[in-house]
Structure formats: C-alpha cells, structure tokens
C-alpha cells in the first residue's frame, strides 16, 4: 500500500492491474493442468496476447513453473512430483473405494 501511494494514479492503476493479472494466472495454475491462451485471456478478461505476455513474464522470472507452446497456443503448468504423487494416490484410493462397492 505504501508503494502504491508513492505512484501517480495512472501508474498505480497499471501496477495493480498487472499484480491482479499475475495473481489470477497463479490461481488458474492450481485448477488447470493446461489451458489455451485464448481461454486464459477470456478468463482474465484480456486479449490472448496480453495473457501470453503476463504468463511469459512470471514464467521467465521463476514465479510460475510452466511452459508456453506457441504453435498450439497452450500454457501447460508443471506439476511438482509431490502434486503428481498426491494425485496418483487420490486416484488409486478412489478406484479402490469403487472396487470395494462392486458386489462379488
């Protein structure tokens, strides 16, 4: 807040817009494994190009583990091994629960 207070109104508006945009991309990375840049732009209410630029910035700064495939216009988020292991464990437990309910 103190930093934003030192800025001119137009600078503060831009800074806040970029911060919210980057935060929302981070949030989207927790929901999606991959997303088209077009869809990302729609969710963020920005152009596909602006969505790609924002994602590219936070990827290059090391604040988001992801990659952009420009040929397919696709942003793919990198799952950590812990996330992958947890997803596999949860899936196995769900399958085991379903199998346990099948009459013999």
PDB file of N, CA and C in Angstrom:
ATOM      1  N   UNK A   1       0.813  -1.203   0.000  1.00  0.00           N
ATOM      2  CA  UNK A   1       0.000   0.000   0.000  1.00  0.00           C
ATOM      3  C   UNK A   1       0.855   1.265   0.000  1.00  0.00           C
ATOM      4  N   UNK A   2       1.937   1.251   0.774  1.00  0.00           N
ATOM      5  CA  UNK A   2       2.794   2.428   0.818  1.00  0.00           C
ATOM      6  C   UNK A   2       3.448   2.666  -0.536  1.00  0.00           C
ATOM      7  N   UNK A   3       3.858   1.580  -1.194  1.00  0.00           N
ATOM      8  CA  UNK A   3       4.471   1.699  -2.515  1.00  0.00           C
ATOM      9  C   UNK A   3       3.488   2.285  -3.518  1.00  0.00           C
ATOM     10  N   UNK A   4       2.272   1.757  -3.525  1.00  0.00           N
ATOM     11  CA  UNK A   4       1.252   2.244  -4.450  1.00  0.00           C
ATOM     12  C   UNK A   4       0.953   3.718  -4.178  1.00  0.00           C
ATOM     13  N   UNK A   5       1.022   4.133  -2.911  1.00  0.00           N
ATOM     14  CA  UNK A   5       0.771   5.526  -2.559  1.00  0.00           C
ATOM     15  C   UNK A   5       1.795   6.486  -3.127  1.00  0.00           C
ATOM     16  N   UNK A   6       3.001   6.007  -3.430  1.00  0.00           N
ATOM     17  CA  UNK A   6       4.052   6.850  -3.994  1.00  0.00           C
ATOM     18  C   UNK A   6       3.905   7.027  -5.505  1.00  0.00           C
ATOM     19  N   UNK A   7       3.049   6.270  -6.116  1.00  0.00           N
ATOM     20  CA  UNK A   7       2.906   6.311  -7.566  1.00  0.00           C
ATOM     21  C   UNK A   7       1.856   7.327  -7.996  1.00  0.00           C
ATOM     22  N   UNK A   8       1.996   7.769  -9.229  1.00  0.00           N
ATOM     23  CA  UNK A   8       0.957   8.589  -9.844  1.00  0.00           C
ATOM     24  C   UNK A   8      -0.266   7.693 -10.046  1.00  0.00           C
ATOM     25  N   UNK A   9      -1.464   8.270 -10.083  1.00  0.00           N
ATOM     26  CA  UNK A   9      -2.678   7.450 -10.214  1.00  0.00           C
ATOM     27  C   UNK A   9      -2.648   6.475 -11.392  1.00  0.00           C
ATOM     28  N   UNK A  10      -2.179   6.933 -12.571  1.00  0.00           N
ATOM     29  CA  UNK A  10      -2.151   6.037 -13.730  1.00  0.00           C
ATOM     30  C   UNK A  10      -1.130   4.916 -13.547  1.00  0.00           C
ATOM     31  N   UNK A  11      -0.022   5.210 -12.824  1.00  0.00           N
ATOM     32  CA  UNK A  11       0.979   4.181 -12.555  1.00  0.00           C
ATOM     33  C   UNK A  11       0.431   3.157 -11.561  1.00  0.00           C
ATOM     34  N   UNK A  12      -0.254   3.628 -10.545  1.00  0.00           N
ATOM     35  CA  UNK A  12      -0.822   2.741  -9.540  1.00  0.00           C
ATOM     36  C   UNK A  12      -1.855   1.822 -10.170  1.00  0.00           C
ATOM     37  N   UNK A  13      -2.680   2.373 -11.039  1.00  0.00           N
ATOM     38  CA  UNK A  13      -3.706   1.565 -11.712  1.00  0.00           C
ATOM     39  C   UNK A  13      -3.061   0.454 -12.538  1.00  0.00           C
ATOM     40  N   UNK A  14      -2.000   0.800 -13.273  1.00  0.00           N
ATOM     41  CA  UNK A  14      -1.299  -0.204 -14.088  1.00  0.00           C
ATOM     42  C   UNK A  14      -0.653  -1.270 -13.196  1.00  0.00           C
ATOM     43  N   UNK A  15       0.017  -0.843 -12.131  1.00  0.00           N
ATOM     44  CA  UNK A  15       0.690  -1.765 -11.215  1.00  0.00           C
ATOM     45  C   UNK A  15      -0.312  -2.740 -10.592  1.00  0.00           C
ATOM     46  N   UNK A  16      -1.437  -2.235 -10.159  1.00  0.00           N
ATOM     47  CA  UNK A  16      -2.460  -3.079  -9.539  1.00  0.00           C
ATOM     48  C   UNK A  16      -3.041  -4.045 -10.567  1.00  0.00           C
ATOM     49  N   UNK A  17      -3.282  -3.563 -11.784  1.00  0.00           N
ATOM     50  CA  UNK A  17      -3.824  -4.417 -12.841  1.00  0.00           C
ATOM     51  C   UNK A  17      -2.874  -5.580 -13.142  1.00  0.00           C
ATOM     52  N   UNK A  18      -1.598  -5.290 -13.251  1.00  0.00           N
ATOM     53  CA  UNK A  18      -0.605  -6.333 -13.531  1.00  0.00           C
ATOM     54  C   UNK A  18      -0.518  -7.316 -12.362  1.00  0.00           C
ATOM     55  N   UNK A  19      -0.523  -6.817 -11.142  1.00  0.00           N
ATOM     56  CA  UNK A  19      -0.440  -7.687  -9.961  1.00  0.00           C
ATOM     57  C   UNK A  19      -1.648  -8.615  -9.881  1.00  0.00           C
ATOM     58  N   UNK A  20      -2.831  -8.096 -10.150  1.00  0.00           N
ATOM     59  CA  UNK A  20      -4.050  -8.917 -10.116  1.00  0.00           C
ATOM     60  C   UNK A  20      -4.005  -9.951 -11.237  1.00  0.00           C
ATOM     61  N   UNK A  21      -3.584  -9.541 -12.415  1.00  0.00           N
ATOM     62  CA  UNK A  21      -3.479 -10.450 -13.554  1.00  0.00           C
ATOM     63  C   UNK A  21      -2.525 -11.604 -13.239  1.00  0.00           C
ATOM     64  N   UNK A  22      -1.359 -11.293 -12.702  1.00  0.00           N
ATOM     65  CA  UNK A  22      -0.381 -12.324 -12.363  1.00  0.00           C
ATOM     66  C   UNK A  22      -0.893 -13.226 -11.247  1.00  0.00           C
ATOM     67  N   UNK A  23      -1.551 -12.652 -10.277  1.00  0.00           N
ATOM     68  CA  UNK A  23      -2.135 -13.452  -9.194  1.00  0.00           C
ATOM     69  C   UNK A  23      -3.173 -14.421  -9.750  1.00  0.00           C
ATOM     70  N   UNK A  24      -4.004 -13.938 -10.658  1.00  0.00           N
ATOM     71  CA  UNK A  24      -5.040 -14.787 -11.233  1.00  0.00           C
ATOM     72  C   UNK A  24      -4.449 -15.920 -12.067  1.00  0.00           C
ATOM     73  N   UNK A  25      -3.357 -15.670 -12.759  1.00  0.00           N
ATOM     74  CA  UNK A  25      -2.688 -16.747 -13.503  1.00  0.00           C
ATOM     75  C   UNK A  25      -2.163 -17.790 -12.521  1.00  0.00           C
ATOM     76  N   UNK A  26      -1.581 -17.340 -11.411  1.00  0.00           N
ATOM     77  CA  UNK A  26      -1.109 -18.277 -10.378  1.00  0.00           C
ATOM     78  C   UNK A  26      -2.276 -19.111  -9.855  1.00  0.00           C
ATOM     79  N   UNK A  27      -3.413 -18.487  -9.646  1.00  0.00           N
ATOM     80  CA  UNK A  27      -4.596 -19.203  -9.157  1.00  0.00           C
ATOM     81  C   UNK A  27      -5.081 -20.214 -10.186  1.00  0.00           C
ATOM     82  N   UNK A  28      -5.105 -19.818 -11.440  1.00  0.00           N
ATOM     83  CA  UNK A  28      -5.526 -20.717 -12.516  1.00  0.00           C
ATOM     84  C   UNK A  28      -4.608 -21.931 -12.587  1.00  0.00           C
ATOM     85  N   UNK A  29      -3.328 -21.735 -12.279  1.00  0.00           N
ATOM     86  CA  UNK A  29      -2.379 -22.856 -12.325  1.00  0.00           C
ATOM     87  C   UNK A  29      -2.698 -23.922 -11.285  1.00  0.00           C
ATOM     88  N   UNK A  30      -3.466 -23.555 -10.259  1.00  0.00           N
ATOM     89  CA  UNK A  30      -3.854 -24.507  -9.227  1.00  0.00           C
ATOM     90  C   UNK A  30      -5.079 -25.316  -9.646  1.00  0.00           C
ATOM     91  N   UNK A  31      -5.770 -24.861 -10.688  1.00  0.00           N
ATOM     92  CA  UNK A  31      -7.008 -25.506 -11.131  1.00  0.00           C
ATOM     93  C   UNK A  31      -6.786 -26.321 -12.406  1.00  0.00           C
ATOM     94  N   UNK A  32      -6.021 -25.772 -13.329  1.00  0.00           N
ATOM     95  CA  UNK A  32      -5.825 -26.388 -14.637  1.00  0.00           C
ATOM     96  C   UNK A  32      -4.444 -27.032 -14.740  1.00  0.00           C
ATOM     97  N   UNK A  33      -4.352 -28.088 -15.553  1.00  0.00           N
ATOM     98  CA  UNK A  33      -3.049 -28.644 -15.917  1.00  0.00           C
ATOM     99  C   UNK A  33      -2.509 -27.913 -17.135  1.00  0.00           C
ATOM    100  N   UNK A  34      -3.421 -27.546 -18.033  1.00  0.00           N
ATOM    101  CA  UNK A  34      -3.061 -26.740 -19.194  1.00  0.00           C
ATOM    102  C   UNK A  34      -4.297 -25.967 -19.629  1.00  0.00           C
ATOM    103  N   UNK A  35      -4.050 -24.915 -20.379  1.00  0.00           N
ATOM    104  CA  UNK A  35      -5.147 -24.065 -20.825  1.00  0.00           C
ATOM    105  C   UNK A  35      -4.702 -23.348 -22.095  1.00  0.00           C
ATOM    106  N   UNK A  36      -5.636 -23.188 -23.034  1.00  0.00           N
ATOM    107  CA  UNK A  36      -5.292 -22.441 -24.242  1.00  0.00           C
ATOM    108  C   UNK A  36      -5.109 -20.977 -23.865  1.00  0.00           C
ATOM    109  N   UNK A  37      -4.263 -20.307 -24.611  1.00  0.00           N
ATOM    110  CA  UNK A  37      -4.044 -18.883 -24.340  1.00  0.00           C
ATOM    111  C   UNK A  37      -5.311 -18.082 -24.601  1.00  0.00           C
ATOM    112  N   UNK A  38      -6.110 -18.538 -25.563  1.00  0.00           N
ATOM    113  CA  UNK A  38      -7.383 -17.881 -25.852  1.00  0.00           C
ATOM    114  C   UNK A  38      -8.307 -17.972 -24.630  1.00  0.00           C
ATOM    115  N   UNK A  39      -8.429 -19.182 -24.061  1.00  0.00           N
ATOM    116  CA  UNK A  39      -9.280 -19.396 -22.887  1.00  0.00           C
ATOM    117  C   UNK A  39      -8.735 -18.623 -21.681  1.00  0.00           C
ATOM    118  N   UNK A  40      -7.433 -18.618 -21.528  1.00  0.00           N
ATOM    119  CA  UNK A  40      -6.815 -17.865 -20.437  1.00  0.00           C
ATOM    120  C   UNK A  40      -7.179 -16.386 -20.549  1.00  0.00           C
ATOM    121  N   UNK A  41      -7.086 -15.849 -21.757  1.00  0.00           N
ATOM    122  CA  UNK A  41      -7.459 -14.451 -21.977  1.00  0.00           C
ATOM    123  C   UNK A  41      -8.916 -14.187 -21.647  1.00  0.00           C
ATOM    124  N   UNK A  42      -9.788 -15.123 -22.034  1.00  0.00           N
ATOM    125  CA  UNK A  42     -11.210 -14.955 -21.726  1.00  0.00           C
ATOM    126  C   UNK A  42     -11.459 -14.939 -20.221  1.00  0.00           C
ATOM    127  N   UNK A  43     -10.824 -15.859 -19.506  1.00  0.00           N
ATOM    128  CA  UNK A  43     -10.998 -15.919 -18.051  1.00  0.00           C
ATOM    129  C   UNK A  43     -10.481 -14.641 -17.394  1.00  0.00           C
ATOM    130  N   UNK A  44      -9.344 -14.152 -17.887  1.00  0.00           N
ATOM    131  CA  UNK A  44      -8.717 -12.968 -17.291  1.00  0.00           C
ATOM    132  C   UNK A  44      -9.292 -11.652 -17.824  1.00  0.00           C
ATOM    133  N   UNK A  45     -10.155 -11.762 -18.841  1.00  0.00           N
ATOM    134  CA  UNK A  45     -10.751 -10.589 -19.467  1.00  0.00           C
ATOM    135  C   UNK A  45      -9.697  -9.682 -20.111  1.00  0.00           C
ATOM    136  N   UNK A  46      -8.735 -10.332 -20.778  1.00  0.00           N
ATOM    137  CA  UNK A  46      -7.694  -9.622 -21.534  1.00  0.00           C
ATOM    138  C   UNK A  46      -7.536 -10.348 -22.874  1.00  0.00           C
ATOM    139  N   UNK A  47      -6.775  -9.757 -23.755  1.00  0.00           N
ATOM    140  CA  UNK A  47      -6.528 -10.409 -25.043  1.00  0.00           C
ATOM    141  C   UNK A  47      -5.635 -11.632 -24.847  1.00  0.00           C
ATOM    142  N   UNK A  48      -5.658 -12.515 -25.843  1.00  0.00           N
ATOM    143  CA  UNK A  48      -4.789 -13.692 -25.826  1.00  0.00           C
ATOM    144  C   UNK A  48      -3.326 -13.265 -25.713  1.00  0.00           C
ATOM    145  N   UNK A  49      -2.974 -12.197 -26.423  1.00  0.00           N
ATOM    146  CA  UNK A  49      -1.598 -11.697 -26.414  1.00  0.00           C
ATOM    147  C   UNK A  49      -1.193 -11.169 -25.035  1.00  0.00           C
ATOM    148  N   UNK A  50      -2.099 -10.448 -24.380  1.00  0.00           N
ATOM    149  CA  UNK A  50      -1.804  -9.939 -23.039  1.00  0.00           C
ATOM    150  C   UNK A  50      -1.690 -11.080 -22.032  1.00  0.00           C
ATOM    151  N   UNK A  51      -2.531 -12.098 -22.191  1.00  0.00           N
ATOM    152  CA  UNK A  51      -2.459 -13.264 -21.298  1.00  0.00           C
ATOM    153  C   UNK A  51      -1.123 -13.968 -21.476  1.00  0.00           C
ATOM    154  N   UNK A  52      -0.706 -14.145 -22.733  1.00  0.00           N
ATOM    155  CA  UNK A  52       0.576 -14.796 -23.011  1.00  0.00           C
ATOM    156  C   UNK A  52       1.738 -13.979 -22.454  1.00  0.00           C
ATOM    157  N   UNK A  53       1.683 -12.659 -22.628  1.00  0.00           N
ATOM    158  CA  UNK A  53       2.758 -11.787 -22.137  1.00  0.00           C
ATOM    159  C   UNK A  53       2.872 -11.863 -20.616  1.00  0.00           C
ATOM    160  N   UNK A  54       1.736 -11.827 -19.928  1.00  0.00           N
ATOM    161  CA  UNK A  54       1.750 -11.897 -18.461  1.00  0.00           C
ATOM    162  C   UNK A  54       2.282 -13.245 -17.987  1.00  0.00           C
ATOM    163  N   UNK A  55       1.808 -14.322 -18.621  1.00  0.00           N
ATOM    164  CA  UNK A  55       2.286 -15.660 -18.240  1.00  0.00           C
ATOM    165  C   UNK A  55       3.778 -15.791 -18.519  1.00  0.00           C
ATOM    166  N   UNK A  56       4.200 -15.302 -19.665  1.00  0.00           N
ATOM    167  CA  UNK A  56       5.611 -15.363 -20.036  1.00  0.00           C
ATOM    168  C   UNK A  56       6.490 -14.628 -19.030  1.00  0.00           C
ATOM    169  N   UNK A  57       6.023 -13.495 -18.575  1.00  0.00           N
ATOM    170  CA  UNK A  57       6.784 -12.702 -17.598  1.00  0.00           C
ATOM    171  C   UNK A  57       6.999 -13.473 -16.300  1.00  0.00           C
ATOM    172  N   UNK A  58       5.926 -14.034 -15.752  1.00  0.00           N
ATOM    173  CA  UNK A  58       6.087 -14.707 -14.455  1.00  0.00           C
ATOM    174  C   UNK A  58       6.800 -16.048 -14.602  1.00  0.00           C
ATOM    175  N   UNK A  59       6.718 -16.665 -15.780  1.00  0.00           N
ATOM    176  CA  UNK A  59       7.498 -17.894 -16.024  1.00  0.00           C
ATOM    177  C   UNK A  59       8.982 -17.543 -16.078  1.00  0.00           C
ATOM    178  N   UNK A  60       9.319 -16.507 -16.850  1.00  0.00           N
ATOM    179  CA  UNK A  60      10.734 -16.140 -17.015  1.00  0.00           C
ATOM    180  C   UNK A  60      11.355 -15.628 -15.722  1.00  0.00           C
ATOM    181  N   UNK A  61      10.532 -15.079 -14.834  1.00  0.00           N
ATOM    182  CA  UNK A  61      11.040 -14.608 -13.537  1.00  0.00           C
ATOM    183  C   UNK A  61      11.085 -15.731 -12.503  1.00  0.00           C
ATOM    184  N   UNK A  62      10.671 -16.932 -12.891  1.00  0.00           N
ATOM    185  CA  UNK A  62      10.723 -18.074 -11.987  1.00  0.00           C
ATOM    186  C   UNK A  62       9.610 -18.105 -10.959  1.00  0.00           C
ATOM    187  N   UNK A  63       8.560 -17.334 -11.174  1.00  0.00           N
ATOM    188  CA  UNK A  63       7.451 -17.299 -10.217  1.00  0.00           C
ATOM    189  C   UNK A  63       6.327 -18.254 -10.584  1.00  0.00           C
ATOM    190  N   UNK A  64       6.456 -18.889 -11.748  1.00  0.00           N
ATOM    191  CA  UNK A  64       5.468 -19.866 -12.190  1.00  0.00           C
ATOM    192  C   UNK A  64       6.211 -20.952 -12.948  1.00  0.00           C
ATOM    193  N   UNK A  65       5.966 -22.193 -12.558  1.00  0.00           N
ATOM    194  CA  UNK A  65       6.579 -23.322 -13.240  1.00  0.00           C
ATOM    195  C   UNK A  65       5.616 -23.806 -14.315  1.00  0.00           C
ATOM    196  N   UNK A  66       5.894 -23.374 -15.545  1.00  0.00           N
ATOM    197  CA  UNK A  66       5.004 -23.687 -16.658  1.00  0.00           C
ATOM    198  C   UNK A  66       5.761 -23.458 -17.957  1.00  0.00           C
ATOM    199  N   UNK A  67       5.124 -23.838 -19.052  1.00  0.00           N
ATOM    200  CA  UNK A  67       5.712 -23.588 -20.358  1.00  0.00           C
ATOM    201  C   UNK A  67       4.609 -23.165 -21.327  1.00  0.00           C
ATOM    202  N   UNK A  68       5.014 -22.418 -22.334  1.00  0.00           N
ATOM    203  CA  UNK A  68       4.074 -21.950 -23.353  1.00  0.00           C
ATOM    204  C   UNK A  68       4.470 -22.588 -24.680  1.00  0.00           C
ATOM    205  N   UNK A  69       3.525 -23.287 -25.293  1.00  0.00           N
ATOM    206  CA  UNK A  69       3.705 -23.837 -26.627  1.00  0.00           C
ATOM    207  C   UNK A  69       3.034 -22.866 -27.588  1.00  0.00           C
ATOM    208  N   UNK A  70       3.844 -22.078 -28.273  1.00  0.00           N
ATOM    209  CA  UNK A  70       3.286 -21.050 -29.143  1.00  0.00           C
ATOM    210  C   UNK A  70       2.660 -21.638 -30.408  1.00  0.00           C
ATOM    211  N   UNK A  71       3.109 -22.820 -30.833  1.00  0.00           N
ATOM    212  CA  UNK A  71       2.499 -23.450 -32.002  1.00  0.00           C
ATOM    213  C   UNK A  71       1.060 -23.863 -31.724  1.00  0.00           C
ATOM    214  N   UNK A  72       0.831 -24.382 -30.510  1.00  0.00           N
ATOM    215  CA  UNK A  72      -0.513 -24.825 -30.127  1.00  0.00           C
ATOM    216  C   UNK A  72      -1.268 -23.780 -29.316  1.00  0.00           C
ATOM    217  N   UNK A  73      -0.621 -22.632 -29.023  1.00  0.00           N
ATOM    218  CA  UNK A  73      -1.221 -21.591 -28.170  1.00  0.00           C
ATOM    219  C   UNK A  73      -1.700 -22.189 -26.856  1.00  0.00           C
ATOM    220  N   UNK A  74      -0.799 -22.929 -26.196  1.00  0.00           N
ATOM    221  CA  UNK A  74      -1.162 -23.662 -24.989  1.00  0.00           C
ATOM    222  C   UNK A  74      -0.192 -23.351 -23.854  1.00  0.00           C
ATOM    223  N   UNK A  75      -0.747 -23.058 -22.698  1.00  0.00           N
ATOM    224  CA  UNK A  75       0.031 -22.859 -21.475  1.00  0.00           C
ATOM    225  C   UNK A  75      -0.112 -24.123 -20.644  1.00  0.00           C
ATOM    226  N   UNK A  76       1.005 -24.775 -20.345  1.00  0.00           N
ATOM    227  CA  UNK A  76       0.997 -26.011 -19.570  1.00  0.00           C
ATOM    228  C   UNK A  76       1.716 -25.765 -18.253  1.00  0.00           C
ATOM    229  N   UNK A  77       1.020 -26.068 -17.163  1.00  0.00           N
ATOM    230  CA  UNK A  77       1.579 -25.873 -15.831  1.00  0.00           C
ATOM    231  C   UNK A  77       2.319 -27.139 -15.412  1.00  0.00           C
ATOM    232  N   UNK A  78       3.496 -26.965 -14.824  1.00  0.00           N
ATOM    233  CA  UNK A  78       4.292 -28.098 -14.378  1.00  0.00           C
ATOM    234  C   UNK A  78       3.831 -28.525 -12.999  1.00  0.00           C
ATOM    235  N   UNK A  79       3.412 -29.773 -12.886  1.00  0.00           N
ATOM    236  CA  UNK A  79       3.045 -30.319 -11.575  1.00  0.00           C
ATOM    237  C   UNK A  79       4.319 -30.790 -10.899  1.00  0.00           C
ATOM    238  N   UNK A  80       4.447 -30.505  -9.638  1.00  0.00           N
ATOM    239  CA  UNK A  80       5.603 -30.998  -8.905  1.00  0.00           C
ATOM    240  C   UNK A  80       5.408 -32.480  -8.647  1.00  0.00           C
ATOM    241  N   UNK A  81       6.479 -33.169  -8.323  1.00  0.00           N
ATOM    242  CA  UNK A  81       6.383 -34.597  -8.027  1.00  0.00           C
ATOM    243  C   UNK A  81       5.441 -34.855  -6.867  1.00  0.00           C
ATOM    244  N   UNK A  82       5.422 -33.959  -5.882  1.00  0.00           N
ATOM    245  CA  UNK A  82       4.525 -34.125  -4.737  1.00  0.00           C
ATOM    246  C   UNK A  82       3.068 -34.042  -5.184  1.00  0.00           C
ATOM    247  N   UNK A  83       2.777 -33.088  -6.047  1.00  0.00           N
ATOM    248  CA  UNK A  83       1.411 -32.956  -6.558  1.00  0.00           C
ATOM    249  C   UNK A  83       1.033 -34.187  -7.371  1.00  0.00           C
ATOM    250  N   UNK A  84       1.960 -34.627  -8.218  1.00  0.00           N
ATOM    251  CA  UNK A  84       1.700 -35.796  -9.042  1.00  0.00           C
ATOM    252  C   UNK A  84       1.456 -37.016  -8.163  1.00  0.00           C
ATOM    253  N   UNK A  85       2.291 -37.210  -7.167  1.00  0.00           N
ATOM    254  CA  UNK A  85       2.131 -38.351  -6.260  1.00  0.00           C
ATOM    255  C   UNK A  85       0.802 -38.282  -5.518  1.00  0.00           C
ATOM    256  N   UNK A  86       0.425 -37.108  -5.076  1.00  0.00           N
ATOM    257  CA  UNK A  86      -0.840 -36.946  -4.363  1.00  0.00           C
ATOM    258  C   UNK A  86      -2.013 -37.243  -5.288  1.00  0.00           C
ATOM    259  N   UNK A  87      -1.920 -36.807  -6.539  1.00  0.00           N
ATOM    260  CA  UNK A  87      -2.991 -37.085  -7.499  1.00  0.00           C
ATOM    261  C   UNK A  87      -3.107 -38.574  -7.774  1.00  0.00           C
ATOM    262  N   UNK A  88      -1.992 -39.245  -7.930  1.00  0.00           N
ATOM    263  CA  UNK A  88      -1.998 -40.695  -8.158  1.00  0.00           C
ATOM    264  C   UNK A  88      -2.577 -41.409  -6.939  1.00  0.00           C
ATOM    265  N   UNK A  89      -2.144 -41.018  -5.760  1.00  0.00           N
ATOM    266  CA  UNK A  89      -2.651 -41.632  -4.526  1.00  0.00           C
ATOM    267  C   UNK A  89      -4.165 -41.449  -4.409  1.00  0.00           C
ATOM    268  N   UNK A  90      -4.641 -40.243  -4.649  1.00  0.00           N
ATOM    269  CA  UNK A  90      -6.078 -39.965  -4.556  1.00  0.00           C
ATOM    270  C   UNK A  90      -6.864 -40.777  -5.581  1.00  0.00           C
ATOM    271  N   UNK A  91      -6.326 -40.900  -6.782  1.00  0.00           N
ATOM    272  CA  UNK A  91      -6.990 -41.683  -7.824  1.00  0.00           C
ATOM    273  C   UNK A  91      -7.046 -43.155  -7.433  1.00  0.00           C
ATOM    274  N   UNK A  92      -5.938 -43.682  -6.936  1.00  0.00           N
ATOM    275  CA  UNK A  92      -5.910 -45.081  -6.509  1.00  0.00           C
ATOM    276  C   UNK A  92      -6.899 -45.338  -5.370  1.00  0.00           C
ATOM    277  N   UNK A  93      -6.986 -44.421  -4.441  1.00  0.00           N
ATOM    278  CA  UNK A  93      -7.926 -44.577  -3.333  1.00  0.00           C
ATOM    279  C   UNK A  93      -9.365 -44.533  -3.831  1.00  0.00           C
ATOM    280  N   UNK A  94      -9.645 -43.671  -4.796  1.00  0.00           N
ATOM    281  CA  UNK A  94     -10.990 -43.588  -5.359  1.00  0.00           C
ATOM    282  C   UNK A  94     -11.353 -44.883  -6.084  1.00  0.00           C
ATOM    283  N   UNK A  95     -10.407 -45.411  -6.863  1.00  0.00           N
ATOM    284  CA  UNK A  95     -10.649 -46.667  -7.575  1.00  0.00           C
ATOM    285  C   UNK A  95     -10.853 -47.800  -6.581  1.00  0.00           C
ATOM    286  N   UNK A  96     -10.037 -47.837  -5.534  1.00  0.00           N
ATOM    287  CA  UNK A  96     -10.172 -48.882  -4.516  1.00  0.00           C
ATOM    288  C   UNK A  96     -11.545 -48.811  -3.851  1.00  0.00           C
ATOM    289  N   UNK A  97     -12.036 -47.609  -3.589  1.00  0.00           N
ATOM    290  CA  UNK A  97     -13.358 -47.448  -2.992  1.00  0.00           C
ATOM    291  C   UNK A  97     -14.460 -47.938  -3.909  1.00  0.00           C
ATOM    292  N   UNK A  98     -14.317 -47.641  -5.199  1.00  0.00           N
ATOM    293  CA  UNK A  98     -15.325 -48.104  -6.160  1.00  0.00           C
ATOM    294  C   UNK A  98     -15.294 -49.622  -6.271  1.00  0.00           C
ATOM    295  N   UNK A  99     -14.103 -50.197  -6.376  1.00  0.00           N
ATOM    296  CA  UNK A  99     -13.963 -51.657  -6.479  1.00  0.00           C
ATOM    297  C   UNK A  99     -14.535 -52.330  -5.248  1.00  0.00           C
ATOM    298  N   UNK A 100     -14.346 -51.737  -4.081  1.00  0.00           N
ATOM    299  CA  UNK A 100     -14.855 -52.309  -2.845  1.00  0.00           C
ATOM    300  C   UNK A 100     -16.374 -52.357  -2.787  1.00  0.00           C
ATOM    301  N   UNK A 101     -17.033 -51.517  -3.584  1.00  0.00           N
ATOM    302  CA  UNK A 101     -18.503 -51.493  -3.585  1.00  0.00           C
ATOM    303  C   UNK A 101     -19.122 -52.391  -4.646  1.00  0.00           C
ATOM    304  N   UNK A 102     -18.285 -52.991  -5.497  1.00  0.00           N
ATOM    305  CA  UNK A 102     -18.793 -53.891  -6.527  1.00  0.00           C
ATOM    306  C   UNK A 102     -19.140 -55.230  -5.871  1.00  0.00           C
ATOM    307  N   UNK A 103     -20.378 -55.696  -6.065  1.00  0.00           N
ATOM    308  CA  UNK A 103     -20.756 -56.991  -5.471  1.00  0.00           C
ATOM    309  C   UNK A 103     -19.931 -58.135  -6.057  1.00  0.00           C
ATOM    310  N   UNK A 104     -19.535 -59.051  -5.190  1.00  0.00           N
ATOM    311  CA  UNK A 104     -18.714 -60.182  -5.646  1.00  0.00           C
ATOM    312  C   UNK A 104     -19.522 -61.246  -6.268  1.00  0.00           C
TER     313      UNK A 104
END
